Amino acid sequence: MITADEWWYELRPQVDAMTEADGQRFAIACCRRADHLMTDSRHQAVVEAAEKMVNGLFSDADFEAAMEPIIELWVDLPKSAATGWTAWHYLTGATRHLGSRSAATDAASYAARAIACARGPEQSSEWNFAWLDEVDAQRKLALMAKSENG
């Protein structure tokens, strides 16, 4: 079975080969796959802001302003060793890494773990199966982004 670190290293060169906009769209698509878990309006708002930015409807300054609540959440997250992470924690990580191609791999990794957490305790068989399903879906998203670039 592939590990989270192995997935990150497999995905990184694929994202690096994307255009800036396509890398951002990939990260947004990965977060959108976790929409059903976004019970915090701040997560939803920053995903929408990222979509507007990548489509030229938001300036960088507008996006940075929309990102401020997520940065505050990120800074205030309890240390994972003390509490363990929930889907909400991982969604904060995923949305914190929207806005640039260079962070798209991190956004994808956090989004996959958020989806897995919704299925079971971390590293349980339910978690692992959900995580592997999400990794497969992200592979397909990355291939689509790459094929659109030629």
C-alpha atoms as a PDB file:
ATOM      1  CA  MET A   1       0.000   0.000   0.000  1.00  0.00           C
ATOM      2  CA  ILE A   2       1.220   3.497  -0.818  1.00  0.00           C
ATOM      3  CA  THR A   3       1.955   5.791   2.126  1.00  0.00           C
ATOM      4  CA  ALA A   4       1.013   9.460   2.420  1.00  0.00           C
ATOM      5  CA  ASP A   5       4.664  10.439   1.932  1.00  0.00           C
ATOM      6  CA  GLU A   6       4.985   8.239  -1.150  1.00  0.00           C
ATOM      7  CA  TRP A   7       1.806   9.760  -2.579  1.00  0.00           C
ATOM      8  CA  TRP A   8       3.138  13.276  -1.986  1.00  0.00           C
ATOM      9  CA  TYR A   9       6.396  12.458  -3.791  1.00  0.00           C
ATOM     10  CA  GLU A  10       4.543  10.774  -6.656  1.00  0.00           C
ATOM     11  CA  LEU A  11       2.188  13.710  -7.068  1.00  0.00           C
ATOM     12  CA  ARG A  12       4.766  16.512  -6.754  1.00  0.00           C
ATOM     13  CA  PRO A  13       6.349  16.182 -10.250  1.00  0.00           C
ATOM     14  CA  GLN A  14       2.901  15.959 -11.846  1.00  0.00           C
ATOM     15  CA  VAL A  15       1.813  19.202 -10.200  1.00  0.00           C
ATOM     16  CA  ASP A  16       5.142  20.865 -11.025  1.00  0.00           C
ATOM     17  CA  ALA A  17       4.496  20.091 -14.711  1.00  0.00           C
ATOM     18  CA  MET A  18       1.154  21.937 -14.612  1.00  0.00           C
ATOM     19  CA  THR A  19       0.703  25.598 -15.369  1.00  0.00           C
ATOM     20  CA  GLU A  20       0.208  27.837 -12.343  1.00  0.00           C
ATOM     21  CA  ALA A  21      -3.530  28.098 -13.020  1.00  0.00           C
ATOM     22  CA  ASP A  22      -3.963  24.365 -13.633  1.00  0.00           C
ATOM     23  CA  GLY A  23      -2.084  23.554 -10.429  1.00  0.00           C
ATOM     24  CA  GLN A  24      -4.410  25.863  -8.547  1.00  0.00           C
ATOM     25  CA  ARG A  25      -7.441  24.296 -10.233  1.00  0.00           C
ATOM     26  CA  PHE A  26      -6.170  20.850  -9.251  1.00  0.00           C
ATOM     27  CA  ALA A  27      -5.888  21.917  -5.593  1.00  0.00           C
ATOM     28  CA  ILE A  28      -9.365  23.457  -5.709  1.00  0.00           C
ATOM     29  CA  ALA A  29     -10.798  20.281  -7.266  1.00  0.00           C
ATOM     30  CA  CYS A  30      -9.222  18.187  -4.498  1.00  0.00           C
ATOM     31  CA  CYS A  31     -10.795  20.448  -1.866  1.00  0.00           C
ATOM     32  CA  ARG A  32     -14.145  20.405  -3.688  1.00  0.00           C
ATOM     33  CA  ARG A  33     -14.159  16.617  -3.363  1.00  0.00           C
ATOM     34  CA  ALA A  34     -14.402  17.260   0.408  1.00  0.00           C
ATOM     35  CA  ASP A  35     -17.233  19.826   0.128  1.00  0.00           C
ATOM     36  CA  HIS A  36     -19.574  17.554   2.053  1.00  0.00           C
ATOM     37  CA  LEU A  37     -17.248  17.816   5.065  1.00  0.00           C
ATOM     38  CA  MET A  38     -16.963  21.613   5.033  1.00  0.00           C
ATOM     39  CA  THR A  39     -19.179  22.489   7.952  1.00  0.00           C
ATOM     40  CA  ASP A  40     -17.139  25.623   8.640  1.00  0.00           C
ATOM     41  CA  SER A  41     -18.094  28.494   6.328  1.00  0.00           C
ATOM     42  CA  ARG A  42     -14.492  29.750   6.387  1.00  0.00           C
ATOM     43  CA  HIS A  43     -13.356  26.663   4.492  1.00  0.00           C
ATOM     44  CA  GLN A  44     -16.078  27.124   1.887  1.00  0.00           C
ATOM     45  CA  ALA A  45     -15.367  30.848   1.554  1.00  0.00           C
ATOM     46  CA  VAL A  46     -11.674  30.389   0.807  1.00  0.00           C
ATOM     47  CA  VAL A  47     -12.349  27.662  -1.778  1.00  0.00           C
ATOM     48  CA  GLU A  48     -14.770  30.027  -3.510  1.00  0.00           C
ATOM     49  CA  ALA A  49     -12.214  32.841  -3.299  1.00  0.00           C
ATOM     50  CA  ALA A  50      -9.552  30.583  -4.851  1.00  0.00           C
ATOM     51  CA  GLU A  51     -11.920  29.743  -7.701  1.00  0.00           C
ATOM     52  CA  LYS A  52     -12.579  33.438  -8.286  1.00  0.00           C
ATOM     53  CA  MET A  53      -8.858  34.231  -8.236  1.00  0.00           C
ATOM     54  CA  VAL A  54      -7.891  31.491 -10.701  1.00  0.00           C
ATOM     55  CA  ASN A  55     -10.703  32.650 -13.008  1.00  0.00           C
ATOM     56  CA  GLY A  56      -9.515  36.269 -12.872  1.00  0.00           C
ATOM     57  CA  LEU A  57     -12.473  37.513 -10.822  1.00  0.00           C
ATOM     58  CA  PHE A  58     -10.465  38.217  -7.642  1.00  0.00           C
ATOM     59  CA  SER A  59      -7.174  40.043  -7.285  1.00  0.00           C
ATOM     60  CA  ASP A  60      -4.316  38.573  -5.296  1.00  0.00           C
ATOM     61  CA  ALA A  61      -5.129  41.094  -2.549  1.00  0.00           C
ATOM     62  CA  ASP A  62      -8.782  39.974  -2.500  1.00  0.00           C
ATOM     63  CA  PHE A  63      -7.679  36.366  -2.168  1.00  0.00           C
ATOM     64  CA  GLU A  64      -5.198  37.173   0.599  1.00  0.00           C
ATOM     65  CA  ALA A  65      -7.987  38.916   2.529  1.00  0.00           C
ATOM     66  CA  ALA A  66     -10.235  35.881   2.074  1.00  0.00           C
ATOM     67  CA  MET A  67      -7.404  33.627   3.270  1.00  0.00           C
ATOM     68  CA  GLU A  68      -6.857  35.503   6.572  1.00  0.00           C
ATOM     69  CA  PRO A  69      -9.484  33.535   8.575  1.00  0.00           C
ATOM     70  CA  ILE A  70      -7.947  30.254   7.394  1.00  0.00           C
ATOM     71  CA  ILE A  71      -4.457  31.384   8.369  1.00  0.00           C
ATOM     72  CA  GLU A  72      -5.795  32.230  11.823  1.00  0.00           C
ATOM     73  CA  LEU A  73      -7.373  28.769  12.073  1.00  0.00           C
ATOM     74  CA  TRP A  74      -4.114  27.161  10.925  1.00  0.00           C
ATOM     75  CA  VAL A  75      -2.064  29.003  13.547  1.00  0.00           C
ATOM     76  CA  ASP A  76      -4.522  28.074  16.302  1.00  0.00           C
ATOM     77  CA  LEU A  77      -4.769  24.342  15.470  1.00  0.00           C
ATOM     78  CA  PRO A  78      -3.816  22.142  18.395  1.00  0.00           C
ATOM     79  CA  LYS A  79      -0.700  20.067  17.894  1.00  0.00           C
ATOM     80  CA  SER A  80      -1.690  16.761  16.294  1.00  0.00           C
ATOM     81  CA  ALA A  81       0.375  14.698  18.736  1.00  0.00           C
ATOM     82  CA  ALA A  82      -1.728  16.030  21.615  1.00  0.00           C
ATOM     83  CA  THR A  83      -5.205  15.673  20.135  1.00  0.00           C
ATOM     84  CA  GLY A  84      -5.139  13.765  16.871  1.00  0.00           C
ATOM     85  CA  TRP A  85      -6.571  15.400  13.778  1.00  0.00           C
ATOM     86  CA  THR A  86     -10.137  15.355  12.562  1.00  0.00           C
ATOM     87  CA  ALA A  87     -11.505  15.975   9.073  1.00  0.00           C
ATOM     88  CA  TRP A  88     -11.959  19.617  10.128  1.00  0.00           C
ATOM     89  CA  HIS A  89      -8.250  19.931  10.997  1.00  0.00           C
ATOM     90  CA  TYR A  90      -7.251  18.434   7.652  1.00  0.00           C
ATOM     91  CA  LEU A  91      -9.683  20.689   5.777  1.00  0.00           C
ATOM     92  CA  THR A  92      -8.050  23.677   7.437  1.00  0.00           C
ATOM     93  CA  GLY A  93      -4.704  22.392   6.154  1.00  0.00           C
ATOM     94  CA  ALA A  94      -6.079  21.770   2.672  1.00  0.00           C
ATOM     95  CA  THR A  95      -7.679  25.181   2.324  1.00  0.00           C
ATOM     96  CA  ARG A  96      -4.616  26.863   3.855  1.00  0.00           C
ATOM     97  CA  HIS A  97      -2.638  25.586   0.873  1.00  0.00           C
ATOM     98  CA  LEU A  98      -4.872  26.960  -1.874  1.00  0.00           C
ATOM     99  CA  GLY A  99      -3.725  29.825  -4.034  1.00  0.00           C
ATOM    100  CA  SER A 100      -0.532  28.585  -5.663  1.00  0.00           C
ATOM    101  CA  ARG A 101       0.628  25.635  -7.724  1.00  0.00           C
ATOM    102  CA  SER A 102       3.599  25.155  -5.405  1.00  0.00           C
ATOM    103  CA  ALA A 103       1.246  24.329  -2.503  1.00  0.00           C
ATOM    104  CA  ALA A 104      -1.226  22.220  -4.509  1.00  0.00           C
ATOM    105  CA  THR A 105       0.395  18.941  -3.455  1.00  0.00           C
ATOM    106  CA  ASP A 106      -0.102  19.863   0.196  1.00  0.00           C
ATOM    107  CA  ALA A 107      -3.735  20.840  -0.427  1.00  0.00           C
ATOM    108  CA  ALA A 108      -4.363  17.493  -2.132  1.00  0.00           C
ATOM    109  CA  SER A 109      -2.679  15.529   0.654  1.00  0.00           C
ATOM    110  CA  TYR A 110      -4.673  17.241   3.402  1.00  0.00           C
ATOM    111  CA  ALA A 111      -7.941  16.902   1.454  1.00  0.00           C
ATOM    112  CA  ALA A 112      -7.408  13.152   1.011  1.00  0.00           C
ATOM    113  CA  ARG A 113      -6.807  12.728   4.719  1.00  0.00           C
ATOM    114  CA  ALA A 114      -9.910  14.779   5.565  1.00  0.00           C
ATOM    115  CA  ILE A 115     -12.034  12.487   3.426  1.00  0.00           C
ATOM    116  CA  ALA A 116     -10.440   9.413   5.012  1.00  0.00           C
ATOM    117  CA  CYS A 117     -11.062  10.740   8.535  1.00  0.00           C
ATOM    118  CA  ALA A 118     -14.759  10.962   7.779  1.00  0.00           C
ATOM    119  CA  ARG A 119     -14.783   7.192   7.221  1.00  0.00           C
ATOM    120  CA  GLY A 120     -12.931   6.009  10.305  1.00  0.00           C
ATOM    121  CA  PRO A 121     -10.154   6.572  12.820  1.00  0.00           C
ATOM    122  CA  GLU A 122      -6.819   7.441  11.278  1.00  0.00           C
ATOM    123  CA  GLN A 123      -4.981   4.372   9.951  1.00  0.00           C
ATOM    124  CA  SER A 124      -7.986   2.079  10.511  1.00  0.00           C
ATOM    125  CA  SER A 125      -8.966  -0.162   7.611  1.00  0.00           C
ATOM    126  CA  GLU A 126     -11.911   2.167   6.831  1.00  0.00           C
ATOM    127  CA  TRP A 127      -9.571   5.171   6.828  1.00  0.00           C
ATOM    128  CA  ASN A 128      -7.034   3.387   4.617  1.00  0.00           C
ATOM    129  CA  PHE A 129      -9.636   2.267   2.072  1.00  0.00           C
ATOM    130  CA  ALA A 130     -11.139   5.773   1.883  1.00  0.00           C
ATOM    131  CA  TRP A 131      -7.689   7.338   1.582  1.00  0.00           C
ATOM    132  CA  LEU A 132      -6.679   4.971  -1.224  1.00  0.00           C
ATOM    133  CA  ASP A 133      -9.941   5.719  -3.067  1.00  0.00           C
ATOM    134  CA  GLU A 134      -9.209   9.423  -2.776  1.00  0.00           C
ATOM    135  CA  VAL A 135      -5.609   9.012  -3.936  1.00  0.00           C
ATOM    136  CA  ASP A 136      -6.974   7.210  -7.010  1.00  0.00           C
ATOM    137  CA  ALA A 137      -9.422  10.063  -7.663  1.00  0.00           C
ATOM    138  CA  GLN A 138      -6.623  12.614  -7.282  1.00  0.00           C
ATOM    139  CA  ARG A 139      -4.431  10.676  -9.723  1.00  0.00           C
ATOM    140  CA  LYS A 140      -7.224  10.980 -12.274  1.00  0.00           C
ATOM    141  CA  LEU A 141      -7.599  14.713 -11.578  1.00  0.00           C
ATOM    142  CA  ALA A 142      -3.841  15.202 -12.024  1.00  0.00           C
ATOM    143  CA  LEU A 143      -3.811  13.222 -15.276  1.00  0.00           C
ATOM    144  CA  MET A 144      -6.714  15.283 -16.600  1.00  0.00           C
ATOM    145  CA  ALA A 145      -4.922  18.512 -15.744  1.00  0.00           C
ATOM    146  CA  LYS A 146      -1.735  17.236 -17.368  1.00  0.00           C
ATOM    147  CA  SER A 147      -3.489  16.023 -20.536  1.00  0.00           C
ATOM    148  CA  GLU A 148      -5.238  19.377 -20.917  1.00  0.00           C
ATOM    149  CA  ASN A 149      -1.799  21.029 -20.974  1.00  0.00           C
ATOM    150  CA  GLY A 150      -0.537  18.694 -23.638  1.00  0.00           C
END
